[in-house]
Amino acid sequence: MHLLLRVLLKHLEWLSCQDTIKFKFCLYRCQQIVMNLMNL
């Protein structure tokens, strides 16, 4: 689980170099995915 979070964070760091709006949307999506995984 922590490994997955780390991968997501690295991916988000890379995306932050891209468009900020895209980054915010992706961050929101990743948060939803993580929440869903924790609920499983």
PDB file of N, CA and C in Angstrom:
ATOM      1  N   MET A   1       0.840  -1.199   0.000  1.00  0.00           N
ATOM      2  CA  MET A   1       0.000   0.000   0.000  1.00  0.00           C
ATOM      3  C   MET A   1       0.879   1.255   0.000  1.00  0.00           C
ATOM      4  N   HIS A   2       1.859   1.263   0.886  1.00  0.00           N
ATOM      5  CA  HIS A   2       2.744   2.425   0.943  1.00  0.00           C
ATOM      6  C   HIS A   2       3.553   2.566  -0.342  1.00  0.00           C
ATOM      7  N   LEU A   3       3.895   1.420  -0.910  1.00  0.00           N
ATOM      8  CA  LEU A   3       4.645   1.437  -2.169  1.00  0.00           C
ATOM      9  C   LEU A   3       3.811   2.096  -3.263  1.00  0.00           C
ATOM     10  N   LEU A   4       2.523   1.752  -3.301  1.00  0.00           N
ATOM     11  CA  LEU A   4       1.622   2.335  -4.292  1.00  0.00           C
ATOM     12  C   LEU A   4       1.523   3.846  -4.097  1.00  0.00           C
ATOM     13  N   LEU A   5       1.410   4.271  -2.854  1.00  0.00           N
ATOM     14  CA  LEU A   5       1.344   5.703  -2.562  1.00  0.00           C
ATOM     15  C   LEU A   5       2.610   6.406  -3.033  1.00  0.00           C
ATOM     16  N   ARG A   6       3.738   5.765  -2.803  1.00  0.00           N
ATOM     17  CA  ARG A   6       5.009   6.347  -3.219  1.00  0.00           C
ATOM     18  C   ARG A   6       5.065   6.507  -4.731  1.00  0.00           C
ATOM     19  N   VAL A   7       4.594   5.485  -5.442  1.00  0.00           N
ATOM     20  CA  VAL A   7       4.571   5.531  -6.909  1.00  0.00           C
ATOM     21  C   VAL A   7       3.653   6.657  -7.382  1.00  0.00           C
ATOM     22  N   LEU A   8       2.491   6.780  -6.734  1.00  0.00           N
ATOM     23  CA  LEU A   8       1.555   7.845  -7.098  1.00  0.00           C
ATOM     24  C   LEU A   8       2.177   9.215  -6.860  1.00  0.00           C
ATOM     25  N   LEU A   9       2.859   9.368  -5.748  1.00  0.00           N
ATOM     26  CA  LEU A   9       3.489  10.648  -5.432  1.00  0.00           C
ATOM     27  C   LEU A   9       4.568  10.995  -6.441  1.00  0.00           C
ATOM     28  N   LYS A  10       5.365  10.010  -6.813  1.00  0.00           N
ATOM     29  CA  LYS A  10       6.412  10.242  -7.819  1.00  0.00           C
ATOM     30  C   LYS A  10       5.782  10.669  -9.141  1.00  0.00           C
ATOM     31  N   HIS A  11       4.685   9.998  -9.484  1.00  0.00           N
ATOM     32  CA  HIS A  11       3.971  10.318 -10.714  1.00  0.00           C
ATOM     33  C   HIS A  11       3.417  11.737 -10.646  1.00  0.00           C
ATOM     34  N   LEU A  12       2.886  12.112  -9.497  1.00  0.00           N
ATOM     35  CA  LEU A  12       2.332  13.452  -9.320  1.00  0.00           C
ATOM     36  C   LEU A  12       3.429  14.510  -9.378  1.00  0.00           C
ATOM     37  N   GLU A  13       4.581  14.189  -8.820  1.00  0.00           N
ATOM     38  CA  GLU A  13       5.712  15.118  -8.888  1.00  0.00           C
ATOM     39  C   GLU A  13       6.081  15.388 -10.338  1.00  0.00           C
ATOM     40  N   TRP A  14       6.079  14.320 -11.128  1.00  0.00           N
ATOM     41  CA  TRP A  14       6.395  14.474 -12.548  1.00  0.00           C
ATOM     42  C   TRP A  14       5.318  15.313 -13.238  1.00  0.00           C
ATOM     43  N   LEU A  15       4.050  15.058 -12.883  1.00  0.00           N
ATOM     44  CA  LEU A  15       2.949  15.790 -13.500  1.00  0.00           C
ATOM     45  C   LEU A  15       2.968  17.263 -13.104  1.00  0.00           C
ATOM     46  N   SER A  16       3.481  17.557 -11.925  1.00  0.00           N
ATOM     47  CA  SER A  16       3.507  18.942 -11.462  1.00  0.00           C
ATOM     48  C   SER A  16       4.365  19.814 -12.376  1.00  0.00           C
ATOM     49  N   CYS A  17       5.249  19.171 -13.125  1.00  0.00           N
ATOM     50  CA  CYS A  17       6.043  19.904 -14.112  1.00  0.00           C
ATOM     51  C   CYS A  17       5.182  20.245 -15.329  1.00  0.00           C
ATOM     52  N   GLN A  18       4.029  19.595 -15.418  1.00  0.00           N
ATOM     53  CA  GLN A  18       3.109  19.844 -16.523  1.00  0.00           C
ATOM     54  C   GLN A  18       2.133  20.951 -16.120  1.00  0.00           C
ATOM     55  N   ASP A  19       0.994  20.954 -16.761  1.00  0.00           N
ATOM     56  CA  ASP A  19      -0.026  21.965 -16.487  1.00  0.00           C
ATOM     57  C   ASP A  19      -0.561  21.833 -15.064  1.00  0.00           C
ATOM     58  N   THR A  20      -0.680  22.952 -14.361  1.00  0.00           N
ATOM     59  CA  THR A  20      -1.123  22.949 -12.967  1.00  0.00           C
ATOM     60  C   THR A  20      -2.560  22.467 -12.825  1.00  0.00           C
ATOM     61  N   ILE A  21      -3.411  22.849 -13.751  1.00  0.00           N
ATOM     62  CA  ILE A  21      -4.817  22.428 -13.690  1.00  0.00           C
ATOM     63  C   ILE A  21      -4.908  20.913 -13.864  1.00  0.00           C
ATOM     64  N   LYS A  22      -4.136  20.406 -14.808  1.00  0.00           N
ATOM     65  CA  LYS A  22      -4.087  18.958 -15.031  1.00  0.00           C
ATOM     66  C   LYS A  22      -3.588  18.258 -13.772  1.00  0.00           C
ATOM     67  N   PHE A  23      -2.580  18.862 -13.146  1.00  0.00           N
ATOM     68  CA  PHE A  23      -2.005  18.298 -11.929  1.00  0.00           C
ATOM     69  C   PHE A  23      -3.049  18.233 -10.816  1.00  0.00           C
ATOM     70  N   LYS A  24      -3.805  19.317 -10.649  1.00  0.00           N
ATOM     71  CA  LYS A  24      -4.833  19.354  -9.603  1.00  0.00           C
ATOM     72  C   LYS A  24      -5.906  18.306  -9.858  1.00  0.00           C
ATOM     73  N   PHE A  25      -6.293  18.168 -11.111  1.00  0.00           N
ATOM     74  CA  PHE A  25      -7.299  17.165 -11.455  1.00  0.00           C
ATOM     75  C   PHE A  25      -6.763  15.768 -11.176  1.00  0.00           C
ATOM     76  N   CYS A  26      -5.521  15.527 -11.555  1.00  0.00           N
ATOM     77  CA  CYS A  26      -4.909  14.216 -11.347  1.00  0.00           C
ATOM     78  C   CYS A  26      -4.756  13.925  -9.856  1.00  0.00           C
ATOM     79  N   LEU A  27      -4.396  14.941  -9.092  1.00  0.00           N
ATOM     80  CA  LEU A  27      -4.275  14.773  -7.645  1.00  0.00           C
ATOM     81  C   LEU A  27      -5.612  14.368  -7.050  1.00  0.00           C
ATOM     82  N   TYR A  28      -6.663  15.027  -7.510  1.00  0.00           N
ATOM     83  CA  TYR A  28      -8.011  14.707  -7.045  1.00  0.00           C
ATOM     84  C   TYR A  28      -8.380  13.267  -7.392  1.00  0.00           C
ATOM     85  N   ARG A  29      -8.072  12.874  -8.615  1.00  0.00           N
ATOM     86  CA  ARG A  29      -8.367  11.503  -9.057  1.00  0.00           C
ATOM     87  C   ARG A  29      -7.563  10.491  -8.234  1.00  0.00           C
ATOM     88  N   CYS A  30      -6.298  10.773  -8.014  1.00  0.00           N
ATOM     89  CA  CYS A  30      -5.451   9.855  -7.257  1.00  0.00           C
ATOM     90  C   CYS A  30      -5.943   9.724  -5.821  1.00  0.00           C
ATOM     91  N   GLN A  31      -6.414  10.811  -5.243  1.00  0.00           N
ATOM     92  CA  GLN A  31      -6.966  10.765  -3.887  1.00  0.00           C
ATOM     93  C   GLN A  31      -8.174   9.848  -3.851  1.00  0.00           C
ATOM     94  N   GLN A  32      -9.026   9.945  -4.860  1.00  0.00           N
ATOM     95  CA  GLN A  32     -10.217   9.093  -4.924  1.00  0.00           C
ATOM     96  C   GLN A  32      -9.818   7.622  -5.041  1.00  0.00           C
ATOM     97  N   ILE A  33      -8.820   7.351  -5.883  1.00  0.00           N
ATOM     98  CA  ILE A  33      -8.353   5.979  -6.079  1.00  0.00           C
ATOM     99  C   ILE A  33      -7.801   5.421  -4.771  1.00  0.00           C
ATOM    100  N   VAL A  34      -6.999   6.225  -4.070  1.00  0.00           N
ATOM    101  CA  VAL A  34      -6.416   5.784  -2.800  1.00  0.00           C
ATOM    102  C   VAL A  34      -7.513   5.523  -1.771  1.00  0.00           C
ATOM    103  N   MET A  35      -8.506   6.400  -1.706  1.00  0.00           N
ATOM    104  CA  MET A  35      -9.614   6.219  -0.774  1.00  0.00           C
ATOM    105  C   MET A  35     -10.351   4.919  -1.072  1.00  0.00           C
ATOM    106  N   ASN A  36     -10.587   4.658  -2.350  1.00  0.00           N
ATOM    107  CA  ASN A  36     -11.268   3.424  -2.751  1.00  0.00           C
ATOM    108  C   ASN A  36     -10.456   2.195  -2.354  1.00  0.00           C
ATOM    109  N   LEU A  37      -9.142   2.263  -2.537  1.00  0.00           N
ATOM    110  CA  LEU A  37      -8.276   1.139  -2.182  1.00  0.00           C
ATOM    111  C   LEU A  37      -8.293   0.895  -0.676  1.00  0.00           C
ATOM    112  N   MET A  38      -8.324   1.958   0.105  1.00  0.00           N
ATOM    113  CA  MET A  38      -8.335   1.825   1.562  1.00  0.00           C
ATOM    114  C   MET A  38      -9.664   1.262   2.056  1.00  0.00           C
ATOM    115  N   ASN A  39     -10.712   1.485   1.298  1.00  0.00           N
ATOM    116  CA  ASN A  39     -12.035   0.989   1.691  1.00  0.00           C
ATOM    117  C   ASN A  39     -12.215  -0.488   1.368  1.00  0.00           C
ATOM    118  N   LEU A  40     -11.345  -1.028   0.520  1.00  0.00           N
ATOM    119  CA  LEU A  40     -11.466  -2.434   0.132  1.00  0.00           C
ATOM    120  C   LEU A  40     -11.154  -3.373   1.296  1.00  0.00           C
TER     121      LEU A  40
END
